[in-house]
Amino acid sequence: MADKKSGIDQALIRELANILNETDLSEIEVEQEDLRIRVSRAAPQIISAPVQTYAPQAVAAPAPVAAPAAVAAPAAPAGRDLSKAVTAPMVGTVYLSPAPGARAFIEVGATVKEGQTLLIIEAMKTMNQIPSPRSGKIVEILVDDASPVEYGEPLVIIE
């Protein structure tokens, strides 16, 4: 076994190490007949800084404050039938017209056809046209232009 070690070509090992340095590789392996040589460099060590943690401190709870009625979700007036409402299919910002200053897609009293664009909801910088699910008359527009909407929020009532 000692004579096998002496048969290793050290010049080849140095040449492989130089190739590692020149090409910025982390490992190289060469196999010739029954000889296999693998040269690798140690990966750079990542040293993490110690993390400081703080014990929680007791804090006095603030006195309860009655929430104003305006913060609560708007309740539907007695005459409003939300069963005919078109709801938001996603969370985003609603736009009533195709561009700022342009004419709105729909107006109260207008007749729409199934598939006609009612408004746009911007979600993740993508403008999504919201089509009318049915033909009918626009009775009420429940959202303001450029206002945020939640999933399932009523947008427009079509009769």
C-alpha atoms as a PDB file:
ATOM      1  CA  MET A   1       0.000   0.000   0.000  1.00  0.00           C
ATOM      2  CA  ALA A   2       2.916   2.315   0.652  1.00  0.00           C
ATOM      3  CA  ASP A   3       4.060   2.006  -2.961  1.00  0.00           C
ATOM      4  CA  LYS A   4       0.600   3.017  -4.209  1.00  0.00           C
ATOM      5  CA  LYS A   5       0.847   6.298  -2.282  1.00  0.00           C
ATOM      6  CA  SER A   6       4.169   7.107  -3.824  1.00  0.00           C
ATOM      7  CA  GLY A   7       2.615   6.668  -7.283  1.00  0.00           C
ATOM      8  CA  ILE A   8       0.236   9.647  -6.812  1.00  0.00           C
ATOM      9  CA  ASP A   9       1.069  12.485  -9.131  1.00  0.00           C
ATOM     10  CA  GLN A  10       1.453  15.520  -6.874  1.00  0.00           C
ATOM     11  CA  ALA A  11       1.772  17.795  -9.891  1.00  0.00           C
ATOM     12  CA  LEU A  12      -1.718  16.672 -10.963  1.00  0.00           C
ATOM     13  CA  ILE A  13      -3.100  17.498  -7.503  1.00  0.00           C
ATOM     14  CA  ARG A  14      -1.488  20.958  -7.602  1.00  0.00           C
ATOM     15  CA  GLU A  15      -2.887  21.508 -11.102  1.00  0.00           C
ATOM     16  CA  LEU A  16      -6.392  20.531  -9.933  1.00  0.00           C
ATOM     17  CA  ALA A  17      -6.070  22.884  -6.943  1.00  0.00           C
ATOM     18  CA  ASN A  18      -5.065  25.710  -9.295  1.00  0.00           C
ATOM     19  CA  ILE A  19      -8.090  24.957 -11.480  1.00  0.00           C
ATOM     20  CA  LEU A  20     -10.296  25.239  -8.361  1.00  0.00           C
ATOM     21  CA  ASN A  21      -8.841  28.655  -7.578  1.00  0.00           C
ATOM     22  CA  GLU A  22      -9.014  29.940 -11.154  1.00  0.00           C
ATOM     23  CA  THR A  23     -12.603  28.822 -11.783  1.00  0.00           C
ATOM     24  CA  ASP A  24     -13.904  29.481  -8.271  1.00  0.00           C
ATOM     25  CA  LEU A  25     -15.207  25.914  -8.045  1.00  0.00           C
ATOM     26  CA  SER A  26     -15.564  24.253  -4.653  1.00  0.00           C
ATOM     27  CA  GLU A  27     -14.745  20.725  -5.762  1.00  0.00           C
ATOM     28  CA  ILE A  28     -13.209  18.799  -8.681  1.00  0.00           C
ATOM     29  CA  GLU A  29     -12.812  15.062  -9.232  1.00  0.00           C
ATOM     30  CA  VAL A  30     -10.697  13.184 -11.791  1.00  0.00           C
ATOM     31  CA  GLU A  31     -10.648   9.452 -12.467  1.00  0.00           C
ATOM     32  CA  GLN A  32      -8.015   7.662 -14.556  1.00  0.00           C
ATOM     33  CA  GLU A  33      -7.997   3.870 -14.755  1.00  0.00           C
ATOM     34  CA  ASP A  34      -7.955   2.691 -11.108  1.00  0.00           C
ATOM     35  CA  LEU A  35      -6.924   6.086  -9.694  1.00  0.00           C
ATOM     36  CA  ARG A  36      -9.505   8.582  -8.518  1.00  0.00           C
ATOM     37  CA  ILE A  37      -8.533  12.020  -7.155  1.00  0.00           C
ATOM     38  CA  ARG A  38     -10.958  14.470  -5.614  1.00  0.00           C
ATOM     39  CA  VAL A  39      -9.842  17.920  -4.549  1.00  0.00           C
ATOM     40  CA  SER A  40     -12.191  20.212  -2.667  1.00  0.00           C
ATOM     41  CA  ARG A  41     -11.825  23.398  -0.762  1.00  0.00           C
ATOM     42  CA  ALA A  42     -13.504  24.068   2.544  1.00  0.00           C
ATOM     43  CA  ALA A  43     -16.713  26.048   2.239  1.00  0.00           C
ATOM     44  CA  PRO A  44     -16.517  29.488   3.822  1.00  0.00           C
ATOM     45  CA  GLN A  45     -17.755  29.404   7.379  1.00  0.00           C
ATOM     46  CA  ILE A  46     -20.694  31.586   8.221  1.00  0.00           C
ATOM     47  CA  ILE A  47     -20.432  33.056  11.663  1.00  0.00           C
ATOM     48  CA  SER A  48     -23.672  34.213  13.142  1.00  0.00           C
ATOM     49  CA  ALA A  49     -23.877  37.016  15.623  1.00  0.00           C
ATOM     50  CA  PRO A  50     -25.354  36.215  19.014  1.00  0.00           C
ATOM     51  CA  VAL A  51     -29.025  37.049  19.310  1.00  0.00           C
ATOM     52  CA  GLN A  52     -30.157  39.067  22.276  1.00  0.00           C
ATOM     53  CA  THR A  53     -33.511  38.276  23.738  1.00  0.00           C
ATOM     54  CA  TYR A  54     -35.385  40.319  26.263  1.00  0.00           C
ATOM     55  CA  ALA A  55     -37.696  39.065  28.942  1.00  0.00           C
ATOM     56  CA  PRO A  56     -41.260  40.295  28.517  1.00  0.00           C
ATOM     57  CA  GLN A  57     -42.171  43.197  30.750  1.00  0.00           C
ATOM     58  CA  ALA A  58     -45.518  43.569  32.438  1.00  0.00           C
ATOM     59  CA  VAL A  59     -47.477  46.411  30.878  1.00  0.00           C
ATOM     60  CA  ALA A  60     -50.669  47.842  32.226  1.00  0.00           C
ATOM     61  CA  ALA A  61     -53.582  47.206  29.895  1.00  0.00           C
ATOM     62  CA  PRO A  62     -55.192  50.341  28.482  1.00  0.00           C
ATOM     63  CA  ALA A  63     -58.646  51.192  29.669  1.00  0.00           C
ATOM     64  CA  PRO A  64     -61.326  49.796  27.364  1.00  0.00           C
ATOM     65  CA  VAL A  65     -62.677  52.329  24.912  1.00  0.00           C
ATOM     66  CA  ALA A  66     -66.010  52.001  23.180  1.00  0.00           C
ATOM     67  CA  ALA A  67     -65.532  51.592  19.444  1.00  0.00           C
ATOM     68  CA  PRO A  68     -67.238  54.243  17.360  1.00  0.00           C
ATOM     69  CA  ALA A  69     -70.128  53.051  15.220  1.00  0.00           C
ATOM     70  CA  ALA A  70     -68.347  54.216  12.036  1.00  0.00           C
ATOM     71  CA  VAL A  71     -65.655  51.559  12.511  1.00  0.00           C
ATOM     72  CA  ALA A  72     -68.160  48.715  12.447  1.00  0.00           C
ATOM     73  CA  ALA A  73     -69.038  47.130   9.105  1.00  0.00           C
ATOM     74  CA  PRO A  74     -71.810  49.054   7.416  1.00  0.00           C
ATOM     75  CA  ALA A  75     -75.165  47.418   7.955  1.00  0.00           C
ATOM     76  CA  ALA A  76     -77.491  47.020   5.020  1.00  0.00           C
ATOM     77  CA  PRO A  77     -80.488  49.348   5.147  1.00  0.00           C
ATOM     78  CA  ALA A  78     -83.839  47.612   5.493  1.00  0.00           C
ATOM     79  CA  GLY A  79     -84.719  48.141   1.793  1.00  0.00           C
ATOM     80  CA  ARG A  80     -81.395  46.846   0.383  1.00  0.00           C
ATOM     81  CA  ASP A  81     -81.471  43.275  -0.925  1.00  0.00           C
ATOM     82  CA  LEU A  82     -77.860  42.010  -0.940  1.00  0.00           C
ATOM     83  CA  SER A  83     -78.908  38.677  -2.458  1.00  0.00           C
ATOM     84  CA  LYS A  84     -78.671  40.391  -5.858  1.00  0.00           C
ATOM     85  CA  ALA A  85     -75.291  41.965  -5.118  1.00  0.00           C
ATOM     86  CA  VAL A  86     -72.148  41.216  -7.101  1.00  0.00           C
ATOM     87  CA  THR A  87     -69.410  40.482  -4.567  1.00  0.00           C
ATOM     88  CA  ALA A  88     -65.651  41.006  -4.759  1.00  0.00           C
ATOM     89  CA  PRO A  89     -63.907  37.825  -5.937  1.00  0.00           C
ATOM     90  CA  MET A  90     -60.599  39.000  -4.415  1.00  0.00           C
ATOM     91  CA  VAL A  91     -58.972  41.494  -2.087  1.00  0.00           C
ATOM     92  CA  GLY A  92     -57.707  44.662  -3.739  1.00  0.00           C
ATOM     93  CA  THR A  93     -58.452  48.228  -4.762  1.00  0.00           C
ATOM     94  CA  VAL A  94     -61.608  48.860  -6.774  1.00  0.00           C
ATOM     95  CA  TYR A  95     -61.691  51.253  -9.739  1.00  0.00           C
ATOM     96  CA  LEU A  96     -64.955  52.278 -11.357  1.00  0.00           C
ATOM     97  CA  SER A  97     -63.368  53.483 -14.620  1.00  0.00           C
ATOM     98  CA  PRO A  98     -60.659  52.100 -16.930  1.00  0.00           C
ATOM     99  CA  ALA A  99     -58.353  55.090 -16.309  1.00  0.00           C
ATOM    100  CA  PRO A 100     -58.249  58.165 -14.069  1.00  0.00           C
ATOM    101  CA  GLY A 101     -60.610  60.785 -15.457  1.00  0.00           C
ATOM    102  CA  ALA A 102     -62.270  58.341 -17.852  1.00  0.00           C
ATOM    103  CA  ARG A 103     -65.987  57.627 -17.890  1.00  0.00           C
ATOM    104  CA  ALA A 104     -67.115  54.980 -15.369  1.00  0.00           C
ATOM    105  CA  PHE A 105     -67.907  51.459 -16.597  1.00  0.00           C
ATOM    106  CA  ILE A 106     -71.390  51.609 -15.036  1.00  0.00           C
ATOM    107  CA  GLU A 107     -73.823  54.119 -13.553  1.00  0.00           C
ATOM    108  CA  VAL A 108     -76.872  53.710 -11.334  1.00  0.00           C
ATOM    109  CA  GLY A 109     -79.883  53.097 -13.565  1.00  0.00           C
ATOM    110  CA  ALA A 110     -77.851  51.733 -16.479  1.00  0.00           C
ATOM    111  CA  THR A 111     -78.671  48.361 -18.007  1.00  0.00           C
ATOM    112  CA  VAL A 112     -75.829  45.835 -18.213  1.00  0.00           C
ATOM    113  CA  LYS A 113     -75.448  42.576 -20.082  1.00  0.00           C
ATOM    114  CA  GLU A 114     -73.995  39.367 -18.713  1.00  0.00           C
ATOM    115  CA  GLY A 115     -70.209  39.449 -19.107  1.00  0.00           C
ATOM    116  CA  GLN A 116     -70.001  43.251 -19.387  1.00  0.00           C
ATOM    117  CA  THR A 117     -67.218  44.803 -17.266  1.00  0.00           C
ATOM    118  CA  LEU A 118     -68.644  46.381 -14.110  1.00  0.00           C
ATOM    119  CA  LEU A 119     -65.399  47.610 -12.549  1.00  0.00           C
ATOM    120  CA  ILE A 120     -61.740  46.730 -12.059  1.00  0.00           C
ATOM    121  CA  ILE A 121     -60.074  45.331  -8.950  1.00  0.00           C
ATOM    122  CA  GLU A 122     -56.334  45.844  -8.734  1.00  0.00           C
ATOM    123  CA  ALA A 123     -54.653  43.013  -6.856  1.00  0.00           C
ATOM    124  CA  MET A 124     -50.870  42.678  -6.690  1.00  0.00           C
ATOM    125  CA  LYS A 125     -50.395  45.276  -9.452  1.00  0.00           C
ATOM    126  CA  THR A 126     -52.686  43.329 -11.790  1.00  0.00           C
ATOM    127  CA  MET A 127     -55.868  44.923 -13.105  1.00  0.00           C
ATOM    128  CA  ASN A 128     -58.697  42.364 -12.983  1.00  0.00           C
ATOM    129  CA  GLN A 129     -61.890  43.181 -14.877  1.00  0.00           C
ATOM    130  CA  ILE A 130     -64.965  42.086 -12.938  1.00  0.00           C
ATOM    131  CA  PRO A 131     -67.714  40.960 -15.339  1.00  0.00           C
ATOM    132  CA  SER A 132     -71.435  41.101 -14.670  1.00  0.00           C
ATOM    133  CA  PRO A 133     -72.703  37.638 -13.700  1.00  0.00           C
ATOM    134  CA  ARG A 134     -76.128  38.413 -15.218  1.00  0.00           C
ATOM    135  CA  SER A 135     -78.013  40.957 -17.271  1.00  0.00           C
ATOM    136  CA  GLY A 136     -80.047  43.574 -15.454  1.00  0.00           C
ATOM    137  CA  LYS A 137     -80.289  47.112 -14.162  1.00  0.00           C
ATOM    138  CA  ILE A 138     -77.711  48.714 -11.832  1.00  0.00           C
ATOM    139  CA  VAL A 139     -79.692  49.616  -8.710  1.00  0.00           C
ATOM    140  CA  GLU A 140     -76.810  50.703  -6.489  1.00  0.00           C
ATOM    141  CA  ILE A 141     -73.018  50.975  -6.525  1.00  0.00           C
ATOM    142  CA  LEU A 142     -71.849  50.099  -3.006  1.00  0.00           C
ATOM    143  CA  VAL A 143     -68.154  51.050  -3.297  1.00  0.00           C
ATOM    144  CA  ASP A 144     -66.243  54.256  -3.949  1.00  0.00           C
ATOM    145  CA  ASP A 145     -63.614  54.632  -6.658  1.00  0.00           C
ATOM    146  CA  ALA A 146     -60.062  53.737  -5.538  1.00  0.00           C
ATOM    147  CA  SER A 147     -61.267  52.226  -2.262  1.00  0.00           C
ATOM    148  CA  PRO A 148     -60.013  48.941  -0.789  1.00  0.00           C
ATOM    149  CA  VAL A 149     -62.325  45.924  -0.925  1.00  0.00           C
ATOM    150  CA  GLU A 150     -62.294  42.579   0.846  1.00  0.00           C
ATOM    151  CA  TYR A 151     -63.113  39.155  -0.559  1.00  0.00           C
ATOM    152  CA  GLY A 152     -66.885  38.664  -0.631  1.00  0.00           C
ATOM    153  CA  GLU A 153     -67.686  42.347  -0.059  1.00  0.00           C
ATOM    154  CA  PRO A 154     -70.802  43.509  -1.962  1.00  0.00           C
ATOM    155  CA  LEU A 155     -69.831  45.830  -4.840  1.00  0.00           C
ATOM    156  CA  VAL A 156     -72.898  46.438  -7.006  1.00  0.00           C
ATOM    157  CA  ILE A 157     -76.559  45.487  -6.823  1.00  0.00           C
ATOM    158  CA  ILE A 158     -78.055  44.311 -10.141  1.00  0.00           C
ATOM    159  CA  GLU A 159     -81.798  43.622 -10.487  1.00  0.00           C
END
